[in-house]
Amino acid sequence: MIPRCLFNVLLLAGYISISVISNVKCEAVLKDTSQVVEDSLQKNRIPRHVTTSDSVHRQQSQFYYVPVQGPPGVPGLPGRTGAPGIAGVLGTSGYPGNNGNHGNEGIAGPPGPPGIKGPKGEIGVEGRCGISGLDGFPGVVGYRGEQGHVGPRGPTGPKGKPGDRGPVGPQGEDGTIGFPGKPGTQGPKGIPGTFTTTNAVNRQYRAFSVALNNNIVANDGDMVIIWEHEFSNIGGDFDMETGVFNVTVSGSYFFTFHVSKTSRQTYPHVQLVKNGENVISAIDYGPNDSDDSSGNSVILTLRKGDVIWMVLHGERELSSNPYKFTTFSGFLIFPMPI
């Protein structure tokens, strides 16, 4: 900070410098002005006679100038720019002015380049459900799209109600013979006729039943059972000499057999065989008992040309006597177009 007394001295020196410069300029201006006035007076001088008392006593003519206002002088040249003055003391801050009016809205500048994508914001709080809007007008029907791929099969829906019965279609071609239907109501009793093997063959009846009258033992390994007593052989398909049933009518057949045991040293073990392959078996094993029976049954679908027989396993025994405890039976249930 400059002391106040030094500041006053500097301020006074500045005033004196300005005054000296101003006086020099004023003297130059006055000199120029006097010359103009002198020239004007020379043009408007008035002569008068003055008598002097000098030794010569001559008469001299002197001129007296009558002040007459001359024309305006030529404006003086502008003075030189004075030296900058010393900075004054900083005044106190004034009161803040009133807020100015808002300026007019400027012209929008060109859009700036897009900014860098900011990070994803947090998920906001779920808003309340708004009021459903009014239904819009139906849109224009679009073009039919291409057929899509077949999707996975959905779950089976509930069974629908039966539809109306359609009209009877044209008669189709004759199909193959189907399975026999359910038996109808019994008709009236016919006239008694005569039964022959020929009638049974023509009507496709097939049935047989055979038995043993004595015990047999398979001493030389497995053996085909040769039956000794024939109860029936309708159709003649069972061969008593070989013990084989030959299928001549394709269809569904029922077979059953029963075997007896009277010995504690050995036991029966038999098989029903179809075309050389085992189908069913029966065994009666028990070293501490005797006089037992066992059996088995089966329904087979057979083709014409198939063969059926019974086998006794090696070193096994079948018991029988005139009471016929060991038997083998079979019959055609119904024919089938196989």
Protein backbone atom coordinates (compact mmCIF):
# COMPACT_ATOMS: atom_id res chain seq x y z
CA MET A 1 0.00 0.00 0.00
CA ILE A 2 1.30 3.58 -0.86
CA PRO A 3 1.33 5.99 2.17
CA ARG A 4 -1.28 8.69 1.97
CA CYS A 5 1.27 11.56 2.12
CA LEU A 6 3.32 10.14 -0.73
CA PHE A 7 0.15 9.69 -2.71
CA ASN A 8 -0.73 13.40 -2.23
CA VAL A 9 2.76 14.51 -3.39
CA LEU A 10 2.48 12.43 -6.54
CA LEU A 11 -0.98 13.83 -7.21
CA LEU A 12 0.27 17.46 -6.86
CA ALA A 13 3.21 16.85 -9.20
CA GLY A 14 0.79 15.57 -11.79
CA TYR A 15 -1.32 18.71 -11.57
CA ILE A 16 1.78 20.96 -11.99
CA SER A 17 2.92 19.05 -15.08
CA ILE A 18 -0.48 19.38 -16.67
CA SER A 19 -0.52 23.19 -15.90
CA VAL A 20 2.92 23.81 -17.47
CA ILE A 21 1.98 21.94 -20.61
CA SER A 22 -1.30 23.88 -20.81
CA ASN A 23 0.52 27.29 -20.47
CA VAL A 24 2.96 26.47 -23.26
CA LYS A 25 0.09 25.57 -25.53
CA CYS A 26 -1.83 28.71 -24.56
CA GLU A 27 1.20 31.00 -25.31
CA ALA A 28 1.51 29.46 -28.78
CA VAL A 29 -2.17 30.03 -29.40
CA LEU A 30 -2.00 33.65 -28.14
CA LYS A 31 1.02 34.40 -30.34
CA ASP A 32 -0.80 33.18 -33.37
CA THR A 33 -3.86 35.18 -32.39
CA SER A 34 -1.81 38.44 -31.88
CA GLN A 35 -0.35 38.15 -35.36
CA VAL A 36 -3.84 37.88 -36.82
CA VAL A 37 -4.98 40.95 -34.88
CA GLU A 38 -1.89 42.91 -35.97
CA ASP A 39 -2.58 42.21 -39.61
CA SER A 40 -6.17 43.36 -39.17
CA LEU A 41 -5.16 46.64 -37.56
CA GLN A 42 -2.72 47.45 -40.34
CA LYS A 43 -5.63 47.37 -42.76
CA ASN A 44 -7.82 49.64 -40.55
CA ARG A 45 -5.30 52.16 -39.18
CA ILE A 46 -6.35 55.89 -38.68
CA PRO A 47 -3.68 58.69 -39.11
CA ARG A 48 -3.38 61.69 -36.69
CA HIS A 49 -0.83 64.60 -36.29
CA VAL A 50 1.22 64.80 -33.17
CA THR A 51 3.55 67.76 -32.41
CA THR A 52 6.57 66.95 -30.39
CA SER A 53 8.89 69.32 -28.68
CA ASP A 54 12.10 67.84 -29.84
CA SER A 55 14.92 69.99 -31.07
CA VAL A 56 14.04 69.64 -34.67
CA HIS A 57 10.38 70.44 -34.08
CA ARG A 58 9.36 68.49 -36.89
CA GLN A 59 6.00 67.29 -37.42
CA GLN A 60 5.61 63.64 -37.35
CA SER A 61 2.77 61.60 -38.41
CA GLN A 62 1.85 58.84 -35.99
CA PHE A 63 -0.74 56.30 -36.31
CA TYR A 64 -3.18 55.38 -33.54
CA TYR A 65 -4.84 52.07 -33.76
CA VAL A 66 -8.49 51.93 -33.06
CA PRO A 67 -9.42 48.47 -31.76
CA VAL A 68 -11.79 46.90 -34.20
CA GLN A 69 -12.98 43.34 -33.76
CA GLY A 70 -11.40 41.21 -36.39
CA PRO A 71 -12.61 37.99 -38.00
CA PRO A 72 -12.57 34.85 -35.97
CA GLY A 73 -9.20 33.30 -35.73
CA VAL A 74 -8.20 30.00 -37.18
CA PRO A 75 -8.86 27.22 -34.69
CA GLY A 76 -5.72 26.19 -32.99
CA LEU A 77 -4.22 22.75 -33.37
CA PRO A 78 -5.35 20.20 -30.82
CA GLY A 79 -3.02 19.88 -27.97
CA ARG A 80 -0.97 16.77 -27.33
CA THR A 81 -2.45 13.98 -25.38
CA GLY A 82 -1.50 14.37 -21.81
CA ALA A 83 0.26 11.72 -19.79
CA PRO A 84 -2.10 9.27 -18.09
CA GLY A 85 -2.92 10.33 -14.63
CA ILE A 86 -2.21 8.39 -11.52
CA ALA A 87 -4.86 5.81 -10.72
CA GLY A 88 -7.29 7.08 -8.21
CA VAL A 89 -8.25 5.45 -4.99
CA LEU A 90 -10.48 2.39 -5.48
CA GLY A 91 -13.93 3.39 -4.51
CA THR A 92 -16.30 1.31 -2.48
CA SER A 93 -18.39 -1.29 -4.28
CA GLY A 94 -21.77 -0.03 -5.37
CA TYR A 95 -25.04 -1.73 -4.73
CA PRO A 96 -25.79 -4.60 -7.06
CA GLY A 97 -28.02 -3.60 -9.95
CA ASN A 98 -31.37 -5.10 -10.74
CA ASN A 99 -31.48 -8.31 -12.67
CA GLY A 100 -31.70 -7.71 -16.41
CA ASN A 101 -34.46 -9.04 -18.59
CA HIS A 102 -34.11 -12.45 -20.14
CA GLY A 103 -32.61 -12.25 -23.60
CA ASN A 104 -34.39 -13.53 -26.65
CA GLU A 105 -34.08 -17.23 -27.37
CA GLY A 106 -31.13 -17.78 -29.66
CA ILE A 107 -31.15 -19.80 -32.85
CA ALA A 108 -30.65 -23.48 -32.18
CA GLY A 109 -27.20 -24.63 -33.13
CA PRO A 110 -26.46 -27.70 -35.21
CA PRO A 111 -26.85 -31.00 -33.35
CA GLY A 112 -23.68 -32.15 -31.75
CA PRO A 113 -22.15 -35.58 -32.24
CA PRO A 114 -23.79 -38.39 -30.24
CA GLY A 115 -22.27 -38.86 -26.87
CA ILE A 116 -20.70 -42.04 -25.56
CA LYS A 117 -23.26 -44.53 -24.36
CA GLY A 118 -23.53 -44.33 -20.62
CA PRO A 119 -23.71 -47.29 -18.25
CA LYS A 120 -27.02 -49.07 -17.85
CA GLY A 121 -29.08 -47.51 -15.13
CA GLU A 122 -30.58 -49.35 -12.24
CA ILE A 123 -33.99 -50.90 -12.63
CA GLY A 124 -36.58 -48.46 -11.45
CA VAL A 125 -39.43 -49.13 -9.13
CA GLU A 126 -42.29 -50.87 -10.86
CA GLY A 127 -44.94 -48.36 -11.75
CA ARG A 128 -48.58 -48.65 -11.04
CA CYS A 129 -50.84 -50.30 -13.56
CA GLY A 130 -52.24 -47.71 -15.89
CA ILE A 131 -55.81 -47.45 -17.03
CA SER A 132 -56.56 -49.70 -19.96
CA GLY A 133 -56.73 -47.77 -23.20
CA LEU A 134 -59.56 -47.86 -25.64
CA ASP A 135 -59.60 -50.60 -28.23
CA GLY A 136 -57.89 -49.52 -31.41
CA PHE A 137 -59.32 -49.81 -34.87
CA PRO A 138 -58.83 -53.16 -36.59
CA GLY A 139 -55.63 -53.22 -38.62
CA VAL A 140 -55.34 -54.08 -42.26
CA VAL A 141 -55.23 -57.80 -42.94
CA GLY A 142 -51.60 -58.74 -43.61
CA TYR A 143 -50.24 -61.03 -46.24
CA ARG A 144 -50.37 -64.71 -45.54
CA GLY A 145 -47.01 -65.90 -44.23
CA GLU A 146 -45.13 -68.98 -45.28
CA GLN A 147 -46.03 -72.26 -43.68
CA GLY A 148 -43.92 -72.82 -40.58
CA HIS A 149 -42.24 -75.97 -39.44
CA VAL A 150 -44.34 -78.61 -37.73
CA GLY A 151 -44.08 -78.05 -34.00
CA PRO A 152 -43.85 -80.72 -31.34
CA ARG A 153 -46.99 -82.68 -30.71
CA GLY A 154 -48.98 -81.18 -27.87
CA PRO A 155 -50.69 -83.12 -25.11
CA THR A 156 -53.87 -84.98 -25.94
CA GLY A 157 -56.87 -82.82 -25.26
CA PRO A 158 -60.06 -83.93 -23.58
CA LYS A 159 -62.29 -86.22 -25.57
CA GLY A 160 -64.84 -84.21 -27.49
CA LYS A 161 -68.50 -84.97 -27.91
CA PRO A 162 -69.44 -87.30 -30.75
CA GLY A 163 -70.18 -85.39 -33.91
CA ASP A 164 -73.25 -85.75 -36.08
CA ARG A 165 -73.35 -88.90 -38.10
CA GLY A 166 -72.29 -88.23 -41.66
CA PRO A 167 -73.93 -89.55 -44.78
CA VAL A 168 -73.32 -93.13 -45.84
CA GLY A 169 -70.30 -93.34 -48.12
CA PRO A 170 -69.92 -95.53 -51.18
CA GLN A 171 -69.35 -99.22 -50.63
CA GLY A 172 -65.67 -100.09 -50.41
CA GLU A 173 -63.81 -103.06 -51.78
CA ASP A 174 -64.16 -106.42 -50.10
CA GLY A 175 -61.59 -106.78 -47.33
CA THR A 176 -59.93 -109.85 -45.92
CA ILE A 177 -61.92 -112.17 -43.69
CA GLY A 178 -61.92 -110.80 -40.17
CA PHE A 179 -61.99 -112.56 -36.83
CA PRO A 180 -65.20 -114.39 -35.94
CA GLY A 181 -67.77 -112.21 -34.27
CA LYS A 182 -69.52 -112.81 -30.98
CA PRO A 183 -71.84 -115.80 -30.92
CA GLY A 184 -75.36 -114.98 -31.92
CA THR A 185 -78.56 -116.11 -30.23
CA GLN A 186 -79.15 -119.81 -30.29
CA GLY A 187 -81.30 -120.91 -33.15
CA PRO A 188 -83.94 -123.65 -33.16
CA LYS A 189 -82.75 -127.23 -32.83
CA GLY A 190 -82.14 -128.83 -36.18
CA ILE A 191 -82.85 -132.27 -37.49
CA PRO A 192 -80.41 -134.88 -36.13
CA GLY A 193 -77.72 -135.76 -38.66
CA THR A 194 -74.89 -138.24 -38.98
CA PHE A 195 -71.32 -137.30 -37.93
CA THR A 196 -68.38 -138.41 -40.01
CA THR A 197 -64.71 -137.51 -40.18
CA THR A 198 -65.31 -136.04 -43.61
CA ASN A 199 -67.90 -133.62 -42.24
CA ALA A 200 -65.45 -132.53 -39.51
CA VAL A 201 -62.70 -131.88 -42.05
CA ASN A 202 -64.99 -129.90 -44.33
CA ARG A 203 -66.25 -127.77 -41.43
CA GLN A 204 -62.70 -127.20 -40.04
CA TYR A 205 -63.36 -128.83 -36.67
CA ARG A 206 -60.13 -129.88 -34.96
CA ALA A 207 -59.82 -131.53 -31.52
CA PHE A 208 -57.96 -134.42 -29.87
CA SER A 209 -57.45 -136.00 -26.44
CA VAL A 210 -55.02 -138.85 -25.61
CA ALA A 211 -53.64 -140.63 -22.49
CA LEU A 212 -51.06 -143.14 -21.13
CA ASN A 213 -52.05 -146.50 -19.68
CA ASN A 214 -48.61 -147.37 -18.19
CA ASN A 215 -45.51 -145.82 -16.64
CA ILE A 216 -42.71 -144.73 -19.00
CA VAL A 217 -39.05 -143.86 -18.26
CA ALA A 218 -36.65 -141.87 -20.53
CA ASN A 219 -33.58 -144.08 -20.09
CA ASP A 220 -31.83 -142.92 -23.30
CA GLY A 221 -32.19 -139.16 -22.97
CA ASP A 222 -35.07 -136.91 -24.00
CA MET A 223 -37.88 -138.78 -25.71
CA VAL A 224 -41.11 -137.94 -27.59
CA ILE A 225 -44.10 -139.26 -25.63
CA ILE A 226 -46.04 -141.84 -27.59
CA TRP A 227 -49.59 -141.90 -26.27
CA GLU A 228 -51.40 -145.18 -25.80
CA HIS A 229 -55.08 -144.32 -25.57
CA GLU A 230 -57.10 -142.05 -27.87
CA PHE A 231 -60.20 -140.39 -26.45
CA SER A 232 -60.96 -138.35 -29.59
CA ASN A 233 -59.26 -137.13 -32.78
CA ILE A 234 -61.73 -134.90 -34.63
CA GLY A 235 -60.30 -133.90 -37.97
CA GLY A 236 -57.62 -136.63 -37.76
CA ASP A 237 -54.70 -134.20 -37.25
CA PHE A 238 -53.17 -136.13 -34.27
CA ASP A 239 -50.87 -139.03 -35.23
CA MET A 240 -51.00 -141.76 -32.57
CA GLU A 241 -47.93 -143.57 -33.97
CA THR A 242 -45.60 -140.53 -33.77
CA GLY A 243 -47.33 -138.57 -30.97
CA VAL A 244 -47.31 -135.44 -33.18
CA PHE A 245 -50.24 -133.05 -33.82
CA ASN A 246 -50.12 -131.72 -37.39
CA VAL A 247 -51.82 -128.34 -37.98
CA THR A 248 -53.93 -128.38 -41.17
CA VAL A 249 -56.13 -125.34 -40.33
CA SER A 250 -54.56 -122.02 -39.34
CA GLY A 251 -56.09 -120.47 -36.28
CA SER A 252 -56.08 -120.18 -32.50
CA TYR A 253 -55.61 -123.45 -30.53
CA PHE A 254 -55.88 -124.45 -26.89
CA PHE A 255 -53.55 -127.14 -25.40
CA THR A 256 -53.42 -128.68 -21.91
CA PHE A 257 -51.68 -131.65 -20.26
CA HIS A 258 -51.60 -133.37 -16.84
CA VAL A 259 -48.82 -135.67 -15.53
CA SER A 260 -48.73 -137.99 -12.50
CA LYS A 261 -46.01 -139.10 -10.04
CA THR A 262 -46.03 -142.29 -7.93
CA SER A 263 -42.30 -142.81 -7.25
CA ARG A 264 -39.97 -141.21 -4.71
CA GLN A 265 -36.82 -142.18 -6.65
CA THR A 266 -37.59 -140.05 -9.72
CA TYR A 267 -40.07 -137.38 -10.87
CA PRO A 268 -41.75 -136.20 -14.11
CA HIS A 269 -40.41 -133.28 -16.17
CA VAL A 270 -42.21 -132.67 -19.48
CA GLN A 271 -42.32 -129.93 -22.18
CA LEU A 272 -44.80 -128.92 -24.89
CA VAL A 273 -42.79 -128.27 -28.08
CA LYS A 274 -43.75 -126.27 -31.20
CA ASN A 275 -41.64 -126.80 -34.30
CA GLY A 276 -38.71 -127.97 -32.12
CA GLU A 277 -38.86 -125.04 -29.65
CA ASN A 278 -39.98 -125.30 -26.03
CA VAL A 279 -43.29 -123.50 -25.29
CA ILE A 280 -44.35 -124.52 -21.73
CA SER A 281 -43.17 -127.07 -19.14
CA ALA A 282 -44.31 -128.91 -15.99
CA ILE A 283 -42.32 -130.60 -13.19
CA ASP A 284 -43.33 -132.42 -10.00
CA TYR A 285 -40.29 -132.67 -7.73
CA GLY A 286 -40.48 -133.98 -4.17
CA PRO A 287 -38.26 -136.79 -2.77
CA ASN A 288 -40.40 -137.23 0.36
CA ASP A 289 -43.79 -137.64 -1.24
CA SER A 290 -45.53 -139.59 -3.99
CA ASP A 291 -48.87 -139.83 -5.77
CA ASP A 292 -48.73 -136.20 -7.02
CA SER A 293 -50.00 -134.55 -10.20
CA SER A 294 -49.06 -131.36 -12.09
CA GLY A 295 -49.95 -129.74 -15.42
CA ASN A 296 -49.97 -126.63 -17.62
CA SER A 297 -52.07 -124.99 -20.39
CA VAL A 298 -51.54 -122.56 -23.26
CA ILE A 299 -53.33 -120.90 -26.22
CA LEU A 300 -51.27 -120.66 -29.42
CA THR A 301 -51.81 -119.07 -32.82
CA LEU A 302 -50.68 -121.66 -35.33
CA ARG A 303 -50.23 -121.70 -39.11
CA LYS A 304 -50.97 -124.56 -41.42
CA GLY A 305 -47.93 -126.89 -41.39
CA ASP A 306 -46.91 -126.29 -37.75
CA VAL A 307 -46.37 -129.37 -35.52
CA ILE A 308 -46.89 -129.87 -31.76
CA TRP A 309 -45.66 -132.70 -29.51
CA MET A 310 -44.72 -133.54 -25.88
CA VAL A 311 -41.20 -134.42 -24.63
CA LEU A 312 -40.12 -136.28 -21.44
CA HIS A 313 -36.69 -135.25 -20.18
CA GLY A 314 -33.91 -137.84 -19.89
CA GLU A 315 -33.94 -140.15 -16.81
CA ARG A 316 -37.37 -138.83 -15.81
CA GLU A 317 -40.53 -140.91 -15.34
CA LEU A 318 -44.24 -140.55 -16.08
CA SER A 319 -46.72 -142.56 -14.02
CA SER A 320 -50.05 -143.85 -15.30
CA ASN A 321 -52.31 -146.91 -15.26
CA PRO A 322 -55.66 -147.90 -16.66
CA TYR A 323 -57.12 -145.00 -14.65
CA LYS A 324 -55.23 -142.72 -17.07
CA PHE A 325 -53.63 -140.11 -14.69
CA THR A 326 -51.41 -138.66 -17.50
CA THR A 327 -53.25 -137.01 -20.44
CA PHE A 328 -52.70 -134.57 -23.36
CA SER A 329 -55.52 -132.64 -25.14
CA GLY A 330 -56.00 -129.80 -27.65
CA PHE A 331 -58.58 -128.20 -29.98
CA LEU A 332 -59.12 -125.40 -32.51
CA ILE A 333 -60.86 -122.41 -30.93
CA PHE A 334 -61.51 -120.62 -34.26
CA PRO A 335 -59.83 -120.56 -37.66
CA MET A 336 -57.84 -117.52 -38.79
CA PRO A 337 -56.74 -116.39 -42.29
CA ILE A 338 -52.98 -116.31 -41.59
